[in-house]
Amino acid sequence: MNFFILACVATVAVAAPQYSYGVPSAESSEEVAAPQTSYGAPRAASSEEVEFVPILKDDRVHEEDGTFNFDFEAANGIRFSQAGSPDGDDDAVIKAGEYSYTAPDGTEIHVKFVADENGFQPQGAHLPVAPEFPHPIPQFVLDQIAFAAEEDAARAAEEDSDEVAAPSTLYGRPN
């Protein structure tokens, strides 16, 4: 019982808030600030400036049936808009939307997308495009396809010749 009480006291001691107060220097007469009890983003080093970007638009609509709309825009040019509904198989959410931003090189990036049973399908002028089909199929691929077809035909002919007209009464390995 004593061990249990000791373990509880130790747990409470370890879980207590740990504040680190700065020691005031002799040169500054500022008071020590109250300890911070919540987490904030790390502060930038004194040599760099942190830019504050105001949010111009943040509209979110969630309906009872699972449909939603989301629109976001920041003053630095980032925009994101998305709508979705549980219309897919097993109430999977189908989404469509677009986003845009300015790349570090100054290029305006604009992407439209659909996410459904076929996966995420982005479209944008900056995205690479696969060659159109039908593209020329190399001869070695056509030769391999023909060889596979010959093997399949030979295997089917062999299975047809091995079939027995009457069922076997013997237990054994199947043909």
N, C-alpha and C. Protein backbone atom coordinates (compact mmCIF):
# COMPACT_ATOMS: atom_id res chain seq x y z
N MET A 1 0.83 -1.19 0.00
CA MET A 1 0.00 0.00 0.00
C MET A 1 0.87 1.25 0.00
N ASN A 2 1.95 1.21 0.79
CA ASN A 2 2.86 2.36 0.85
C ASN A 2 3.48 2.62 -0.52
N PHE A 3 3.81 1.55 -1.24
CA PHE A 3 4.39 1.71 -2.58
C PHE A 3 3.40 2.39 -3.51
N PHE A 4 2.13 2.02 -3.42
CA PHE A 4 1.10 2.63 -4.26
C PHE A 4 0.98 4.12 -3.99
N ILE A 5 0.97 4.51 -2.74
CA ILE A 5 0.87 5.93 -2.38
C ILE A 5 2.10 6.68 -2.86
N LEU A 6 3.27 6.09 -2.70
CA LEU A 6 4.51 6.71 -3.16
C LEU A 6 4.49 6.88 -4.68
N ALA A 7 4.00 5.89 -5.40
CA ALA A 7 3.92 5.97 -6.86
C ALA A 7 2.96 7.08 -7.30
N CYS A 8 1.84 7.23 -6.58
CA CYS A 8 0.88 8.30 -6.91
C CYS A 8 1.48 9.67 -6.67
N VAL A 9 2.18 9.85 -5.57
CA VAL A 9 2.81 11.13 -5.27
C VAL A 9 3.88 11.45 -6.31
N ALA A 10 4.67 10.46 -6.70
CA ALA A 10 5.71 10.67 -7.72
C ALA A 10 5.08 11.05 -9.06
N THR A 11 3.98 10.42 -9.42
CA THR A 11 3.30 10.71 -10.68
C THR A 11 2.78 12.14 -10.69
N VAL A 12 2.20 12.58 -9.59
CA VAL A 12 1.69 13.95 -9.50
C VAL A 12 2.85 14.95 -9.58
N ALA A 13 3.96 14.64 -8.95
CA ALA A 13 5.11 15.54 -8.97
C ALA A 13 5.68 15.68 -10.38
N VAL A 14 5.77 14.59 -11.10
CA VAL A 14 6.30 14.62 -12.47
C VAL A 14 5.32 15.32 -13.40
N ALA A 15 4.02 15.17 -13.20
CA ALA A 15 3.02 15.75 -14.09
C ALA A 15 2.78 17.22 -13.82
N ALA A 16 3.30 17.76 -12.73
CA ALA A 16 3.09 19.18 -12.40
C ALA A 16 3.73 20.05 -13.48
N PRO A 17 3.14 21.22 -13.77
CA PRO A 17 3.73 22.11 -14.79
C PRO A 17 5.14 22.51 -14.41
N GLN A 18 6.02 22.49 -15.37
CA GLN A 18 7.41 22.86 -15.15
C GLN A 18 7.65 24.22 -15.80
N TYR A 19 7.83 25.24 -15.02
CA TYR A 19 8.04 26.59 -15.53
C TYR A 19 9.52 26.91 -15.41
N SER A 20 10.03 27.56 -16.42
CA SER A 20 11.41 28.01 -16.32
C SER A 20 11.40 29.53 -16.36
N TYR A 21 11.75 30.13 -15.26
CA TYR A 21 11.79 31.58 -15.16
C TYR A 21 13.20 32.03 -15.55
N GLY A 22 13.25 33.05 -16.38
CA GLY A 22 14.55 33.60 -16.73
C GLY A 22 15.10 34.40 -15.57
N VAL A 23 16.39 34.37 -15.42
CA VAL A 23 17.02 35.14 -14.37
C VAL A 23 17.25 36.54 -14.90
N PRO A 24 16.71 37.57 -14.24
CA PRO A 24 16.91 38.93 -14.75
C PRO A 24 18.37 39.33 -14.65
N SER A 25 18.82 40.00 -15.68
CA SER A 25 20.21 40.45 -15.67
C SER A 25 20.31 41.71 -14.83
N ALA A 26 21.51 42.01 -14.40
CA ALA A 26 21.71 43.19 -13.58
C ALA A 26 21.54 44.46 -14.41
N GLU A 27 21.73 44.34 -15.73
CA GLU A 27 21.64 45.51 -16.59
C GLU A 27 20.21 45.92 -16.88
N SER A 28 19.27 44.97 -16.86
CA SER A 28 17.89 45.32 -17.18
C SER A 28 17.05 45.27 -15.92
N SER A 29 16.18 46.21 -15.81
CA SER A 29 15.33 46.27 -14.63
C SER A 29 13.93 45.75 -14.94
N GLU A 30 13.82 45.00 -16.07
CA GLU A 30 12.50 44.49 -16.44
C GLU A 30 12.09 43.38 -15.48
N GLU A 31 10.79 43.25 -15.30
CA GLU A 31 10.28 42.19 -14.47
C GLU A 31 10.26 40.89 -15.27
N VAL A 32 10.31 39.80 -14.55
CA VAL A 32 10.25 38.49 -15.20
C VAL A 32 8.82 38.27 -15.65
N ALA A 33 8.66 37.87 -16.93
CA ALA A 33 7.32 37.64 -17.47
C ALA A 33 6.72 36.39 -16.85
N ALA A 34 5.40 36.35 -16.81
CA ALA A 34 4.71 35.17 -16.29
C ALA A 34 5.00 33.98 -17.20
N PRO A 35 5.05 32.79 -16.65
CA PRO A 35 5.35 31.63 -17.48
C PRO A 35 4.26 31.39 -18.52
N GLN A 36 4.69 30.86 -19.65
CA GLN A 36 3.75 30.57 -20.73
C GLN A 36 3.20 29.16 -20.52
N THR A 37 1.88 29.04 -20.44
CA THR A 37 1.28 27.74 -20.18
C THR A 37 0.69 27.10 -21.42
N SER A 38 0.85 27.74 -22.57
CA SER A 38 0.37 27.14 -23.82
C SER A 38 1.47 27.19 -24.84
N TYR A 39 1.36 26.35 -25.83
CA TYR A 39 2.39 26.25 -26.86
C TYR A 39 2.08 27.21 -27.99
N GLY A 40 3.07 27.89 -28.46
CA GLY A 40 2.96 28.75 -29.63
C GLY A 40 4.01 28.35 -30.63
N ALA A 41 3.89 28.82 -31.84
CA ALA A 41 4.88 28.52 -32.86
C ALA A 41 6.23 29.08 -32.44
N PRO A 42 7.30 28.42 -32.81
CA PRO A 42 8.62 28.94 -32.45
C PRO A 42 8.84 30.32 -33.03
N ARG A 43 9.51 31.14 -32.28
CA ARG A 43 9.79 32.49 -32.75
C ARG A 43 10.99 32.46 -33.68
N ALA A 44 10.95 33.35 -34.66
CA ALA A 44 12.04 33.42 -35.61
C ALA A 44 13.27 34.03 -34.94
N ALA A 45 14.41 33.70 -35.49
CA ALA A 45 15.64 34.28 -34.97
C ALA A 45 15.57 35.79 -35.16
N SER A 46 16.31 36.50 -34.37
CA SER A 46 16.23 37.96 -34.40
C SER A 46 16.67 38.53 -35.74
N SER A 47 17.44 37.77 -36.52
CA SER A 47 17.94 38.29 -37.79
C SER A 47 16.90 38.22 -38.90
N GLU A 48 15.86 37.43 -38.73
CA GLU A 48 14.85 37.33 -39.78
C GLU A 48 13.50 37.84 -39.30
N GLU A 49 12.75 38.36 -40.21
CA GLU A 49 11.45 38.97 -39.91
C GLU A 49 10.35 37.97 -40.25
N VAL A 50 9.36 37.81 -39.40
CA VAL A 50 8.23 36.94 -39.67
C VAL A 50 7.13 37.79 -40.29
N GLU A 51 6.65 37.33 -41.45
CA GLU A 51 5.61 38.08 -42.17
C GLU A 51 4.23 37.63 -41.69
N PHE A 52 3.40 38.56 -41.33
CA PHE A 52 2.03 38.27 -40.94
C PHE A 52 1.17 38.32 -42.20
N VAL A 53 0.47 37.24 -42.50
CA VAL A 53 -0.37 37.17 -43.69
C VAL A 53 -1.83 37.12 -43.24
N PRO A 54 -2.59 38.17 -43.50
CA PRO A 54 -4.00 38.16 -43.09
C PRO A 54 -4.83 37.19 -43.93
N ILE A 55 -5.80 36.60 -43.29
CA ILE A 55 -6.75 35.72 -43.99
C ILE A 55 -7.91 36.58 -44.45
N LEU A 56 -8.14 36.60 -45.76
CA LEU A 56 -9.19 37.44 -46.32
C LEU A 56 -10.54 36.74 -46.33
N LYS A 57 -10.51 35.41 -46.49
CA LYS A 57 -11.77 34.66 -46.59
C LYS A 57 -11.56 33.27 -46.01
N ASP A 58 -12.50 32.83 -45.19
CA ASP A 58 -12.47 31.47 -44.65
C ASP A 58 -13.91 31.07 -44.39
N ASP A 59 -14.55 30.54 -45.43
CA ASP A 59 -15.95 30.13 -45.34
C ASP A 59 -16.02 28.61 -45.34
N ARG A 60 -16.70 28.06 -44.34
CA ARG A 60 -16.84 26.60 -44.22
C ARG A 60 -18.31 26.29 -43.99
N VAL A 61 -18.85 25.42 -44.81
CA VAL A 61 -20.25 25.01 -44.67
C VAL A 61 -20.29 23.49 -44.64
N HIS A 62 -20.83 22.93 -43.58
CA HIS A 62 -21.00 21.48 -43.44
C HIS A 62 -22.48 21.20 -43.25
N GLU A 63 -23.05 20.47 -44.18
CA GLU A 63 -24.48 20.14 -44.11
C GLU A 63 -24.69 18.84 -43.34
N GLU A 64 -25.92 18.61 -42.93
CA GLU A 64 -26.28 17.40 -42.18
C GLU A 64 -26.10 16.13 -43.02
N ASP A 65 -26.28 16.23 -44.34
CA ASP A 65 -26.19 15.05 -45.20
C ASP A 65 -24.76 14.71 -45.59
N GLY A 66 -23.77 15.45 -45.07
CA GLY A 66 -22.37 15.15 -45.33
C GLY A 66 -21.74 16.01 -46.40
N THR A 67 -22.52 16.80 -47.12
CA THR A 67 -21.93 17.67 -48.13
C THR A 67 -21.24 18.84 -47.44
N PHE A 68 -20.23 19.37 -48.10
CA PHE A 68 -19.51 20.49 -47.53
C PHE A 68 -18.95 21.39 -48.62
N ASN A 69 -18.69 22.63 -48.24
CA ASN A 69 -18.02 23.61 -49.09
C ASN A 69 -16.97 24.30 -48.24
N PHE A 70 -15.86 24.61 -48.84
CA PHE A 70 -14.77 25.25 -48.13
C PHE A 70 -14.10 26.24 -49.06
N ASP A 71 -14.00 27.49 -48.66
CA ASP A 71 -13.34 28.54 -49.43
C ASP A 71 -12.36 29.27 -48.52
N PHE A 72 -11.14 29.42 -49.00
CA PHE A 72 -10.09 30.07 -48.22
C PHE A 72 -9.29 30.98 -49.15
N GLU A 73 -8.94 32.16 -48.65
CA GLU A 73 -8.08 33.07 -49.40
C GLU A 73 -7.25 33.88 -48.42
N ALA A 74 -5.96 33.97 -48.72
CA ALA A 74 -5.04 34.74 -47.90
C ALA A 74 -4.53 35.93 -48.71
N ALA A 75 -4.03 36.93 -48.02
CA ALA A 75 -3.57 38.16 -48.67
C ALA A 75 -2.33 37.94 -49.54
N ASN A 76 -1.59 36.85 -49.32
CA ASN A 76 -0.41 36.59 -50.13
C ASN A 76 -0.72 35.86 -51.43
N GLY A 77 -2.01 35.69 -51.76
CA GLY A 77 -2.40 35.09 -53.03
C GLY A 77 -2.75 33.62 -52.97
N ILE A 78 -2.65 32.99 -51.82
CA ILE A 78 -3.02 31.58 -51.71
C ILE A 78 -4.53 31.49 -51.67
N ARG A 79 -5.07 30.64 -52.55
CA ARG A 79 -6.52 30.40 -52.59
C ARG A 79 -6.76 28.90 -52.61
N PHE A 80 -7.82 28.49 -51.90
CA PHE A 80 -8.19 27.08 -51.88
C PHE A 80 -9.70 26.99 -51.80
N SER A 81 -10.29 26.24 -52.70
CA SER A 81 -11.74 26.07 -52.72
C SER A 81 -12.03 24.60 -52.96
N GLN A 82 -12.97 24.04 -52.19
CA GLN A 82 -13.27 22.62 -52.31
C GLN A 82 -14.73 22.37 -51.93
N ALA A 83 -15.35 21.44 -52.63
CA ALA A 83 -16.71 21.01 -52.31
C ALA A 83 -16.73 19.48 -52.37
N GLY A 84 -17.55 18.88 -51.54
CA GLY A 84 -17.60 17.42 -51.54
C GLY A 84 -18.92 16.91 -51.02
N SER A 85 -19.17 15.65 -51.33
CA SER A 85 -20.39 15.00 -50.87
C SER A 85 -20.15 13.50 -50.80
N PRO A 86 -20.86 12.80 -49.90
CA PRO A 86 -20.70 11.35 -49.77
C PRO A 86 -21.53 10.60 -50.81
N ASP A 87 -21.17 10.76 -52.08
CA ASP A 87 -21.93 10.13 -53.16
C ASP A 87 -21.26 8.88 -53.70
N GLY A 88 -20.06 8.55 -53.23
CA GLY A 88 -19.33 7.41 -53.76
C GLY A 88 -19.80 6.10 -53.15
N ASP A 89 -19.12 5.02 -53.57
CA ASP A 89 -19.41 3.69 -53.03
C ASP A 89 -19.15 3.70 -51.53
N ASP A 90 -20.01 3.06 -50.77
CA ASP A 90 -19.90 3.00 -49.30
C ASP A 90 -19.79 4.39 -48.69
N ASP A 91 -20.54 5.34 -49.25
CA ASP A 91 -20.55 6.72 -48.78
C ASP A 91 -19.17 7.38 -48.80
N ALA A 92 -18.32 6.97 -49.74
CA ALA A 92 -17.03 7.63 -49.90
C ALA A 92 -17.27 9.06 -50.36
N VAL A 93 -16.48 9.98 -49.87
CA VAL A 93 -16.65 11.39 -50.19
C VAL A 93 -15.99 11.69 -51.53
N ILE A 94 -16.76 12.29 -52.41
CA ILE A 94 -16.25 12.73 -53.70
C ILE A 94 -16.00 14.22 -53.59
N LYS A 95 -14.78 14.65 -53.93
CA LYS A 95 -14.39 16.04 -53.77
C LYS A 95 -14.00 16.64 -55.11
N ALA A 96 -14.23 17.92 -55.25
CA ALA A 96 -13.77 18.67 -56.41
C ALA A 96 -13.39 20.05 -55.91
N GLY A 97 -12.38 20.61 -56.52
CA GLY A 97 -11.97 21.93 -56.09
C GLY A 97 -10.80 22.45 -56.88
N GLU A 98 -10.20 23.51 -56.34
CA GLU A 98 -9.05 24.11 -56.98
C GLU A 98 -8.24 24.87 -55.94
N TYR A 99 -6.96 25.04 -56.24
CA TYR A 99 -6.11 25.86 -55.40
C TYR A 99 -5.10 26.58 -56.27
N SER A 100 -4.61 27.70 -55.76
CA SER A 100 -3.62 28.46 -56.51
C SER A 100 -2.70 29.19 -55.53
N TYR A 101 -1.50 29.42 -55.99
CA TYR A 101 -0.49 30.14 -55.21
C TYR A 101 0.60 30.60 -56.16
N THR A 102 1.49 31.43 -55.66
CA THR A 102 2.62 31.90 -56.45
C THR A 102 3.86 31.14 -56.02
N ALA A 103 4.51 30.48 -56.97
CA ALA A 103 5.71 29.71 -56.69
C ALA A 103 6.86 30.66 -56.35
N PRO A 104 7.91 30.16 -55.71
CA PRO A 104 9.05 31.01 -55.36
C PRO A 104 9.68 31.71 -56.57
N ASP A 105 9.59 31.11 -57.75
CA ASP A 105 10.16 31.75 -58.95
C ASP A 105 9.22 32.77 -59.57
N GLY A 106 8.04 33.00 -58.95
CA GLY A 106 7.09 33.99 -59.44
C GLY A 106 6.01 33.44 -60.36
N THR A 107 6.06 32.17 -60.68
CA THR A 107 5.08 31.53 -61.54
C THR A 107 3.76 31.35 -60.79
N GLU A 108 2.67 31.71 -61.42
CA GLU A 108 1.35 31.51 -60.82
C GLU A 108 0.94 30.05 -61.04
N ILE A 109 0.70 29.33 -59.97
CA ILE A 109 0.31 27.92 -60.03
C ILE A 109 -1.18 27.84 -59.76
N HIS A 110 -1.91 27.19 -60.67
CA HIS A 110 -3.35 27.02 -60.51
C HIS A 110 -3.68 25.56 -60.83
N VAL A 111 -4.28 24.86 -59.87
CA VAL A 111 -4.59 23.45 -60.02
C VAL A 111 -6.07 23.23 -59.76
N LYS A 112 -6.73 22.54 -60.69
CA LYS A 112 -8.10 22.06 -60.47
C LYS A 112 -8.01 20.56 -60.24
N PHE A 113 -8.88 20.03 -59.37
CA PHE A 113 -8.79 18.61 -59.08
C PHE A 113 -10.16 18.00 -58.82
N VAL A 114 -10.20 16.69 -58.98
CA VAL A 114 -11.34 15.86 -58.61
C VAL A 114 -10.76 14.67 -57.86
N ALA A 115 -11.38 14.30 -56.77
CA ALA A 115 -10.98 13.11 -56.02
C ALA A 115 -12.22 12.25 -55.86
N ASP A 116 -12.21 11.10 -56.52
CA ASP A 116 -13.37 10.21 -56.48
C ASP A 116 -12.89 8.76 -56.47
N GLU A 117 -13.73 7.84 -56.92
CA GLU A 117 -13.35 6.43 -56.91
C GLU A 117 -12.16 6.15 -57.81
N ASN A 118 -11.82 7.06 -58.71
CA ASN A 118 -10.66 6.89 -59.59
C ASN A 118 -9.40 7.53 -59.02
N GLY A 119 -9.46 8.06 -57.79
CA GLY A 119 -8.30 8.66 -57.16
C GLY A 119 -8.26 10.16 -57.34
N PHE A 120 -7.13 10.73 -56.97
CA PHE A 120 -6.90 12.18 -57.07
C PHE A 120 -6.47 12.50 -58.48
N GLN A 121 -7.20 13.41 -59.15
CA GLN A 121 -6.94 13.73 -60.55
C GLN A 121 -6.72 15.24 -60.71
N PRO A 122 -5.47 15.69 -60.57
CA PRO A 122 -5.20 17.12 -60.71
C PRO A 122 -5.04 17.52 -62.17
N GLN A 123 -5.34 18.77 -62.46
CA GLN A 123 -5.14 19.33 -63.79
C GLN A 123 -4.56 20.72 -63.62
N GLY A 124 -3.48 20.99 -64.33
CA GLY A 124 -2.85 22.29 -64.26
C GLY A 124 -1.86 22.45 -65.40
N ALA A 125 -1.64 23.68 -65.82
CA ALA A 125 -0.73 23.94 -66.94
C ALA A 125 0.71 23.57 -66.60
N HIS A 126 1.08 23.59 -65.32
CA HIS A 126 2.44 23.30 -64.92
C HIS A 126 2.72 21.81 -64.74
N LEU A 127 1.68 20.97 -64.75
CA LEU A 127 1.85 19.53 -64.53
C LEU A 127 2.28 18.85 -65.82
N PRO A 128 3.14 17.84 -65.74
CA PRO A 128 3.54 17.11 -66.95
C PRO A 128 2.36 16.31 -67.50
N VAL A 129 2.36 16.13 -68.81
CA VAL A 129 1.27 15.42 -69.48
C VAL A 129 1.84 14.15 -70.11
N ALA A 130 1.16 13.04 -69.91
CA ALA A 130 1.58 11.77 -70.52
C ALA A 130 1.35 11.85 -72.03
N PRO A 131 2.12 11.10 -72.80
CA PRO A 131 1.89 11.11 -74.25
C PRO A 131 0.52 10.54 -74.59
N GLU A 132 -0.03 11.02 -75.67
CA GLU A 132 -1.34 10.55 -76.07
C GLU A 132 -1.26 9.09 -76.49
N PHE A 133 -2.33 8.36 -76.24
CA PHE A 133 -2.40 6.96 -76.64
C PHE A 133 -3.29 6.86 -77.85
N PRO A 134 -3.11 6.10 -78.81
CA PRO A 134 -2.09 5.05 -78.88
C PRO A 134 -0.76 5.60 -79.36
N HIS A 135 0.26 5.36 -78.58
CA HIS A 135 1.61 5.69 -79.01
C HIS A 135 2.18 4.44 -79.66
N PRO A 136 3.23 4.57 -80.44
CA PRO A 136 3.79 3.38 -81.10
C PRO A 136 4.28 2.36 -80.08
N ILE A 137 3.86 1.13 -80.26
CA ILE A 137 4.26 0.04 -79.37
C ILE A 137 5.52 -0.60 -79.97
N PRO A 138 6.59 -0.72 -79.18
CA PRO A 138 7.83 -1.30 -79.71
C PRO A 138 7.64 -2.74 -80.17
N GLN A 139 8.43 -3.16 -81.16
CA GLN A 139 8.29 -4.49 -81.75
C GLN A 139 8.52 -5.59 -80.72
N PHE A 140 9.47 -5.41 -79.79
CA PHE A 140 9.74 -6.48 -78.81
C PHE A 140 8.52 -6.72 -77.91
N VAL A 141 7.73 -5.68 -77.68
CA VAL A 141 6.51 -5.85 -76.88
C VAL A 141 5.49 -6.64 -77.67
N LEU A 142 5.32 -6.33 -78.95
CA LEU A 142 4.39 -7.08 -79.80
C LEU A 142 4.81 -8.54 -79.91
N ASP A 143 6.12 -8.80 -80.02
CA ASP A 143 6.61 -10.18 -80.09
C ASP A 143 6.30 -10.93 -78.79
N GLN A 144 6.45 -10.27 -77.65
CA GLN A 144 6.17 -10.92 -76.37
C GLN A 144 4.68 -11.23 -76.22
N ILE A 145 3.83 -10.32 -76.69
CA ILE A 145 2.39 -10.56 -76.64
C ILE A 145 2.01 -11.75 -77.51
N ALA A 146 2.60 -11.84 -78.70
CA ALA A 146 2.32 -12.97 -79.60
C ALA A 146 2.80 -14.28 -78.99
N PHE A 147 3.98 -14.27 -78.38
CA PHE A 147 4.52 -15.48 -77.75
C PHE A 147 3.62 -15.94 -76.61
N ALA A 148 3.12 -15.00 -75.79
CA ALA A 148 2.22 -15.35 -74.68
C ALA A 148 0.92 -15.94 -75.22
N ALA A 149 0.42 -15.41 -76.33
CA ALA A 149 -0.82 -15.94 -76.92
C ALA A 149 -0.59 -17.37 -77.42
N GLU A 150 0.57 -17.65 -78.03
CA GLU A 150 0.89 -19.01 -78.49
C GLU A 150 0.96 -19.98 -77.31
N GLU A 151 1.60 -19.55 -76.21
CA GLU A 151 1.67 -20.41 -75.03
C GLU A 151 0.29 -20.71 -74.47
N ASP A 152 -0.58 -19.69 -74.41
CA ASP A 152 -1.93 -19.90 -73.91
C ASP A 152 -2.70 -20.86 -74.79
N ALA A 153 -2.56 -20.76 -76.10
CA ALA A 153 -3.26 -21.66 -77.03
C ALA A 153 -2.74 -23.09 -76.88
N ALA A 154 -1.43 -23.25 -76.72
CA ALA A 154 -0.86 -24.60 -76.56
C ALA A 154 -1.32 -25.22 -75.25
N ARG A 155 -1.37 -24.44 -74.18
CA ARG A 155 -1.82 -24.95 -72.88
C ARG A 155 -3.29 -25.35 -72.95
N ALA A 156 -4.12 -24.58 -73.62
CA ALA A 156 -5.54 -24.90 -73.75
C ALA A 156 -5.73 -26.18 -74.57
N ALA A 157 -4.96 -26.36 -75.64
CA ALA A 157 -5.06 -27.57 -76.46
C ALA A 157 -4.63 -28.79 -75.66
N GLU A 158 -3.60 -28.64 -74.82
CA GLU A 158 -3.12 -29.76 -74.00
C GLU A 158 -4.16 -30.15 -72.96
N GLU A 159 -4.81 -29.18 -72.36
CA GLU A 159 -5.83 -29.47 -71.36
C GLU A 159 -7.03 -30.16 -71.99
N ASP A 160 -7.39 -29.79 -73.22
CA ASP A 160 -8.52 -30.42 -73.91
C ASP A 160 -8.22 -31.88 -74.22
N SER A 161 -6.97 -32.23 -74.58
CA SER A 161 -6.63 -33.61 -74.92
C SER A 161 -6.51 -34.48 -73.68
N ASP A 162 -6.23 -33.90 -72.50
CA ASP A 162 -6.08 -34.67 -71.26
C ASP A 162 -7.39 -34.95 -70.56
N GLU A 163 -8.47 -34.36 -70.97
CA GLU A 163 -9.73 -34.55 -70.28
C GLU A 163 -10.25 -35.98 -70.50
N VAL A 164 -10.81 -36.56 -69.44
CA VAL A 164 -11.36 -37.92 -69.48
C VAL A 164 -12.87 -37.79 -69.65
N ALA A 165 -13.44 -38.65 -70.47
CA ALA A 165 -14.86 -38.57 -70.76
C ALA A 165 -15.69 -38.90 -69.53
N ALA A 166 -15.31 -39.92 -68.77
CA ALA A 166 -16.07 -40.32 -67.58
C ALA A 166 -15.29 -39.90 -66.34
N PRO A 167 -15.99 -39.58 -65.27
CA PRO A 167 -15.29 -39.19 -64.05
C PRO A 167 -14.50 -40.38 -63.49
N SER A 168 -13.38 -40.08 -62.90
CA SER A 168 -12.52 -41.10 -62.34
C SER A 168 -13.01 -41.49 -60.95
N THR A 169 -12.87 -42.77 -60.65
CA THR A 169 -13.24 -43.24 -59.32
C THR A 169 -12.00 -43.35 -58.43
N LEU A 170 -10.84 -43.01 -58.98
CA LEU A 170 -9.61 -43.09 -58.23
C LEU A 170 -9.28 -41.71 -57.66
N TYR A 171 -8.76 -41.74 -56.47
CA TYR A 171 -8.30 -40.50 -55.87
C TYR A 171 -6.85 -40.32 -56.24
N GLY A 172 -6.56 -39.18 -56.76
CA GLY A 172 -5.18 -38.94 -57.15
C GLY A 172 -4.99 -37.48 -57.48
N ARG A 173 -3.82 -37.17 -57.94
CA ARG A 173 -3.47 -35.82 -58.30
C ARG A 173 -4.26 -35.39 -59.54
N PRO A 174 -4.85 -34.21 -59.53
CA PRO A 174 -5.58 -33.77 -60.73
C PRO A 174 -4.60 -33.49 -61.87
N ASN A 175 -5.12 -33.60 -63.09
CA ASN A 175 -4.28 -33.37 -64.28
C ASN A 175 -3.92 -31.92 -64.41
